[in-house]
Protein backbone atom coordinates (compact mmCIF):
# COMPACT_ATOMS: atom_id res chain seq x y z
CA UNK A 1 -0.68 2.96 -11.24
CA UNK A 2 -1.11 6.77 -10.23
CA UNK A 3 -5.37 6.16 -10.85
CA UNK A 4 -7.32 7.97 -7.32
CA UNK A 5 -9.11 5.47 -5.09
CA UNK A 6 -11.82 7.40 -3.03
CA UNK A 7 -13.44 5.04 0.12
CA UNK A 8 -16.34 7.20 1.27
CA UNK A 9 -16.60 4.28 4.04
CA UNK A 10 -13.38 3.59 4.69
CA UNK A 11 -14.09 1.82 7.81
CA UNK A 12 -10.22 0.06 9.07
CA UNK A 13 -8.77 0.88 6.45
CA UNK A 14 -8.45 -2.03 3.85
CA UNK A 15 -9.65 -0.31 -0.20
CA UNK A 16 -6.70 1.84 1.73
CA UNK A 17 -3.79 -1.04 2.17
CA UNK A 18 -4.91 -2.33 -1.21
CA UNK A 19 -4.60 1.28 -3.08
CA UNK A 20 -0.89 2.39 -1.82
CA UNK A 21 0.09 -1.49 -2.24
CA UNK A 22 -1.22 -0.95 -6.17
CA UNK A 23 0.13 2.33 -6.06
CA UNK A 24 -2.88 4.18 -6.23
CA UNK A 25 -2.96 7.55 -4.05
CA UNK A 26 -6.44 7.27 -1.99
CA UNK A 27 -8.38 9.61 -0.41
CA UNK A 28 -10.61 7.90 2.19
CA UNK A 29 -13.59 9.03 4.72
CA UNK A 30 -14.56 7.81 7.63
CA UNK A 31 -17.10 9.67 10.87
CA UNK A 32 -15.91 8.18 13.39
CA UNK A 33 -13.01 8.77 14.40
CA UNK A 34 -11.99 6.06 16.14
CA UNK A 35 -12.21 3.90 12.68
CA UNK A 36 -10.25 6.90 11.05
CA UNK A 37 -7.25 6.71 12.80
CA UNK A 38 -7.41 3.05 12.66
CA UNK A 39 -7.35 2.51 8.97
CA UNK A 40 -4.36 5.34 9.56
CA UNK A 41 -1.76 2.74 11.21
CA UNK A 42 -2.68 0.10 8.79
CA UNK A 43 -2.56 1.79 6.28
CA UNK A 44 0.62 3.31 7.71
CA UNK A 45 2.02 -0.14 8.31
CA UNK A 46 1.38 -1.85 5.43
CA UNK A 47 3.18 0.97 3.88
CA UNK A 48 6.04 0.08 5.46
CA UNK A 49 5.79 -3.25 5.45
CA UNK A 50 7.65 -5.44 2.49
CA UNK A 51 6.14 -7.11 0.28
CA UNK A 52 5.42 -10.64 0.37
CA UNK A 53 4.13 -11.24 -3.74
CA UNK A 54 7.16 -9.11 -5.32
CA UNK A 55 10.00 -11.10 -5.47
CA UNK A 56 13.40 -8.32 -5.08
CA UNK A 57 15.86 -7.77 -8.02
CA UNK A 58 18.67 -11.29 -7.99
CA UNK A 59 21.80 -8.93 -7.89
CA UNK A 60 23.52 -8.68 -12.02
CA UNK A 61 26.01 -11.63 -11.83
CA UNK A 62 29.09 -10.50 -14.28
CA UNK A 63 30.03 -12.96 -16.47
CA UNK A 64 33.56 -14.10 -18.27
CA UNK A 65 33.85 -13.51 -22.25
CA UNK A 66 36.19 -15.13 -24.09
């Protein structure tokens, strides 16, 4: 976490999605505006979606002490 990933040929943003899901900063370069827009939307959607592979913390259970 905290590292920066550079993708000079961003395409549809797959590397960017992986980077942000793994808590990395991401710099993507894409010369085609169409693919740049697609990548930005996909990366934002990945950030907005819950992570299916990370289990939410369970609520603390209070136990009586005897």
